[in-house]
Amino acid sequence: MTDVTGAATSNLIVADVGGGTTAANLNLTTNTAATTVASGDLHQRYVSESTLLSSLNGGAGISAGSFQIKNKAGGTAIINLSGSSFHTVDDLLTAINAAGVHVTASINSTGDGILLTDASGGSGVL
């Protein structure tokens, strides 16, 4: 948020009114001599199950191809995205979860990526 009035003689004040918490929730509350206030990371969810794979990677999409997952116990699975059935993040999560290597794929807690959780019980590295 930027004060563009040109009146730099008083503080920029952003505050909640009427018992609300919107400004605080947006990390915008301030009472300073600054002309700009930035909210910082709002932990906005960017990825959902319905997100198209073609919209990821800065809009460039995810190329068709394959990748390998190796769990901590040494089990491996190859996930092949070359088929026509991979359109959404959910399609990808479903394929990883069905691979049978005790690795669960989900959207991470901040909603900006995919989390792989290894339940194989091995002592190696995922």
C-alpha atoms as a PDB file:
ATOM      1  CA  MET A   1       0.000   0.000   0.000  1.00  0.00           C
ATOM      2  CA  THR A   2       1.426   3.386  -0.993  1.00  0.00           C
ATOM      3  CA  ASP A   3       0.323   6.875   0.027  1.00  0.00           C
ATOM      4  CA  VAL A   4       0.292   8.871  -3.209  1.00  0.00           C
ATOM      5  CA  THR A   5      -1.205  12.083  -1.788  1.00  0.00           C
ATOM      6  CA  GLY A   6       2.189  13.738  -1.502  1.00  0.00           C
ATOM      7  CA  ALA A   7       1.325  14.928   2.019  1.00  0.00           C
ATOM      8  CA  ALA A   8       4.375  13.682   3.894  1.00  0.00           C
ATOM      9  CA  THR A   9       3.626  15.844   6.960  1.00  0.00           C
ATOM     10  CA  SER A  10       1.788  13.136   8.919  1.00  0.00           C
ATOM     11  CA  ASN A  11       1.989   9.417   9.504  1.00  0.00           C
ATOM     12  CA  LEU A  12       0.542   6.806   7.189  1.00  0.00           C
ATOM     13  CA  ILE A  13      -2.100   5.147   9.350  1.00  0.00           C
ATOM     14  CA  VAL A  14      -3.809   1.871   8.505  1.00  0.00           C
ATOM     15  CA  ALA A  15      -6.002   0.532  11.302  1.00  0.00           C
ATOM     16  CA  ASP A  16      -9.004  -1.700  11.820  1.00  0.00           C
ATOM     17  CA  VAL A  17     -12.305   0.001  12.616  1.00  0.00           C
ATOM     18  CA  GLY A  18     -15.504  -1.115  14.269  1.00  0.00           C
ATOM     19  CA  GLY A  19     -13.916  -4.111  15.963  1.00  0.00           C
ATOM     20  CA  GLY A  20     -12.844  -5.625  12.641  1.00  0.00           C
ATOM     21  CA  THR A  21      -9.520  -7.379  12.022  1.00  0.00           C
ATOM     22  CA  THR A  22      -9.146  -7.092   8.245  1.00  0.00           C
ATOM     23  CA  ALA A  23      -6.131  -4.743   8.268  1.00  0.00           C
ATOM     24  CA  ALA A  24      -4.406  -6.886  10.895  1.00  0.00           C
ATOM     25  CA  ASN A  25      -5.190 -10.090   8.986  1.00  0.00           C
ATOM     26  CA  LEU A  26      -3.638  -8.534   5.876  1.00  0.00           C
ATOM     27  CA  ASN A  27      -0.548  -7.437   7.881  1.00  0.00           C
ATOM     28  CA  LEU A  28      -1.208  -3.822   6.878  1.00  0.00           C
ATOM     29  CA  THR A  29      -1.707  -2.107  10.244  1.00  0.00           C
ATOM     30  CA  THR A  30       0.730   0.776  10.673  1.00  0.00           C
ATOM     31  CA  ASN A  31       1.134   4.260  12.114  1.00  0.00           C
ATOM     32  CA  THR A  32       4.490   5.449  10.790  1.00  0.00           C
ATOM     33  CA  ALA A  33       6.063   8.292   8.852  1.00  0.00           C
ATOM     34  CA  ALA A  34       6.515   5.925   5.894  1.00  0.00           C
ATOM     35  CA  THR A  35       4.728   6.377   2.598  1.00  0.00           C
ATOM     36  CA  THR A  36       4.550   2.636   1.881  1.00  0.00           C
ATOM     37  CA  VAL A  37       3.538  -0.396   3.897  1.00  0.00           C
ATOM     38  CA  ALA A  38       3.975  -3.942   2.617  1.00  0.00           C
ATOM     39  CA  SER A  39       1.996  -6.843   3.991  1.00  0.00           C
ATOM     40  CA  GLY A  40       4.747  -9.418   3.534  1.00  0.00           C
ATOM     41  CA  ASP A  41       3.865 -13.056   2.918  1.00  0.00           C
ATOM     42  CA  LEU A  42       0.145 -13.632   3.413  1.00  0.00           C
ATOM     43  CA  HIS A  43       0.545 -17.404   2.963  1.00  0.00           C
ATOM     44  CA  GLN A  44      -1.900 -17.300   0.090  1.00  0.00           C
ATOM     45  CA  ARG A  45      -2.787 -20.667  -1.311  1.00  0.00           C
ATOM     46  CA  TYR A  46      -1.575 -20.852  -4.903  1.00  0.00           C
ATOM     47  CA  VAL A  47      -2.102 -24.533  -5.652  1.00  0.00           C
ATOM     48  CA  SER A  48      -5.227 -26.636  -5.254  1.00  0.00           C
ATOM     49  CA  GLU A  49      -6.232 -30.051  -6.507  1.00  0.00           C
ATOM     50  CA  SER A  50      -7.973 -28.407  -9.470  1.00  0.00           C
ATOM     51  CA  THR A  51      -4.935 -26.327 -10.508  1.00  0.00           C
ATOM     52  CA  LEU A  52      -4.037 -27.129 -14.090  1.00  0.00           C
ATOM     53  CA  LEU A  53      -0.540 -28.522 -14.614  1.00  0.00           C
ATOM     54  CA  SER A  54      -0.327 -26.238 -17.637  1.00  0.00           C
ATOM     55  CA  SER A  55      -0.554 -23.197 -15.325  1.00  0.00           C
ATOM     56  CA  LEU A  56       2.395 -24.165 -13.114  1.00  0.00           C
ATOM     57  CA  ASN A  57       6.058 -23.255 -13.580  1.00  0.00           C
ATOM     58  CA  GLY A  58       5.357 -19.563 -14.018  1.00  0.00           C
ATOM     59  CA  GLY A  59       2.680 -20.320 -16.602  1.00  0.00           C
ATOM     60  CA  ALA A  60       5.017 -22.413 -18.743  1.00  0.00           C
ATOM     61  CA  GLY A  61       3.379 -25.612 -17.512  1.00  0.00           C
ATOM     62  CA  ILE A  62       4.836 -28.983 -16.655  1.00  0.00           C
ATOM     63  CA  SER A  63       6.362 -30.862 -19.557  1.00  0.00           C
ATOM     64  CA  ALA A  64       5.134 -34.333 -20.359  1.00  0.00           C
ATOM     65  CA  GLY A  65       7.653 -36.899 -19.238  1.00  0.00           C
ATOM     66  CA  SER A  66       8.600 -39.187 -16.399  1.00  0.00           C
ATOM     67  CA  PHE A  67      10.228 -38.964 -12.990  1.00  0.00           C
ATOM     68  CA  GLN A  68      11.267 -41.544 -10.432  1.00  0.00           C
ATOM     69  CA  ILE A  69      10.446 -41.632  -6.720  1.00  0.00           C
ATOM     70  CA  LYS A  70      12.682 -43.700  -4.482  1.00  0.00           C
ATOM     71  CA  ASN A  71      11.423 -44.182  -0.936  1.00  0.00           C
ATOM     72  CA  LYS A  72      13.569 -44.479   2.213  1.00  0.00           C
ATOM     73  CA  ALA A  73      13.358 -48.287   2.044  1.00  0.00           C
ATOM     74  CA  GLY A  74      14.714 -48.347  -1.509  1.00  0.00           C
ATOM     75  CA  GLY A  75      11.437 -48.990  -3.310  1.00  0.00           C
ATOM     76  CA  THR A  76      11.012 -47.086  -6.563  1.00  0.00           C
ATOM     77  CA  ALA A  77       8.201 -45.981  -8.829  1.00  0.00           C
ATOM     78  CA  ILE A  78       8.240 -44.156 -12.120  1.00  0.00           C
ATOM     79  CA  ILE A  79       5.517 -41.585 -12.628  1.00  0.00           C
ATOM     80  CA  ASN A  80       4.877 -41.006 -16.330  1.00  0.00           C
ATOM     81  CA  LEU A  81       3.050 -37.780 -17.160  1.00  0.00           C
ATOM     82  CA  SER A  82       3.062 -38.422 -20.896  1.00  0.00           C
ATOM     83  CA  GLY A  83      -0.495 -39.749 -21.027  1.00  0.00           C
ATOM     84  CA  SER A  84      -3.514 -37.629 -21.844  1.00  0.00           C
ATOM     85  CA  SER A  85      -5.042 -38.228 -18.400  1.00  0.00           C
ATOM     86  CA  PHE A  86      -2.793 -35.741 -16.564  1.00  0.00           C
ATOM     87  CA  HIS A  87      -4.385 -32.314 -16.498  1.00  0.00           C
ATOM     88  CA  THR A  88      -4.594 -31.207 -12.860  1.00  0.00           C
ATOM     89  CA  VAL A  89      -2.553 -31.330  -9.683  1.00  0.00           C
ATOM     90  CA  ASP A  90      -5.059 -33.907  -8.421  1.00  0.00           C
ATOM     91  CA  ASP A  91      -4.222 -36.160 -11.378  1.00  0.00           C
ATOM     92  CA  LEU A  92      -0.559 -35.954 -10.365  1.00  0.00           C
ATOM     93  CA  LEU A  93      -1.247 -36.550  -6.650  1.00  0.00           C
ATOM     94  CA  THR A  94      -3.441 -39.535  -7.496  1.00  0.00           C
ATOM     95  CA  ALA A  95      -0.718 -41.087  -9.664  1.00  0.00           C
ATOM     96  CA  ILE A  96       1.932 -40.700  -6.967  1.00  0.00           C
ATOM     97  CA  ASN A  97      -0.362 -42.032  -4.242  1.00  0.00           C
ATOM     98  CA  ALA A  98      -1.284 -45.051  -6.391  1.00  0.00           C
ATOM     99  CA  ALA A  99       2.355 -45.890  -7.202  1.00  0.00           C
ATOM    100  CA  GLY A 100       2.626 -48.405  -4.355  1.00  0.00           C
ATOM    101  CA  VAL A 101       5.876 -47.187  -2.799  1.00  0.00           C
ATOM    102  CA  HIS A 102       4.383 -45.939   0.496  1.00  0.00           C
ATOM    103  CA  VAL A 103       4.908 -42.304  -0.455  1.00  0.00           C
ATOM    104  CA  THR A 104       1.930 -39.999  -0.034  1.00  0.00           C
ATOM    105  CA  ALA A 105       1.629 -36.829  -2.103  1.00  0.00           C
ATOM    106  CA  SER A 106      -0.447 -33.885  -0.920  1.00  0.00           C
ATOM    107  CA  ILE A 107      -0.549 -30.129  -1.212  1.00  0.00           C
ATOM    108  CA  ASN A 108       1.703 -28.611   1.451  1.00  0.00           C
ATOM    109  CA  SER A 109       0.322 -26.633   4.408  1.00  0.00           C
ATOM    110  CA  THR A 110       0.980 -23.247   2.787  1.00  0.00           C
ATOM    111  CA  GLY A 111      -0.697 -24.257  -0.476  1.00  0.00           C
ATOM    112  CA  ASP A 112       2.241 -23.372  -2.664  1.00  0.00           C
ATOM    113  CA  GLY A 113       3.728 -26.763  -3.438  1.00  0.00           C
ATOM    114  CA  ILE A 114       3.494 -30.535  -3.208  1.00  0.00           C
ATOM    115  CA  LEU A 115       4.549 -32.425  -0.085  1.00  0.00           C
ATOM    116  CA  LEU A 116       5.837 -35.996  -0.339  1.00  0.00           C
ATOM    117  CA  THR A 117       5.597 -38.044   2.865  1.00  0.00           C
ATOM    118  CA  ASP A 118       7.498 -41.331   3.089  1.00  0.00           C
ATOM    119  CA  ALA A 119       5.818 -44.027   5.198  1.00  0.00           C
ATOM    120  CA  SER A 120       8.006 -46.908   3.993  1.00  0.00           C
ATOM    121  CA  GLY A 121       9.800 -47.267   7.308  1.00  0.00           C
ATOM    122  CA  GLY A 122      13.220 -47.329   5.693  1.00  0.00           C
ATOM    123  CA  SER A 123      16.299 -45.568   6.988  1.00  0.00           C
ATOM    124  CA  GLY A 124      17.520 -44.224   3.654  1.00  0.00           C
ATOM    125  CA  VAL A 125      16.767 -40.930   1.973  1.00  0.00           C
ATOM    126  CA  LEU A 126      13.555 -40.131   0.102  1.00  0.00           C
END
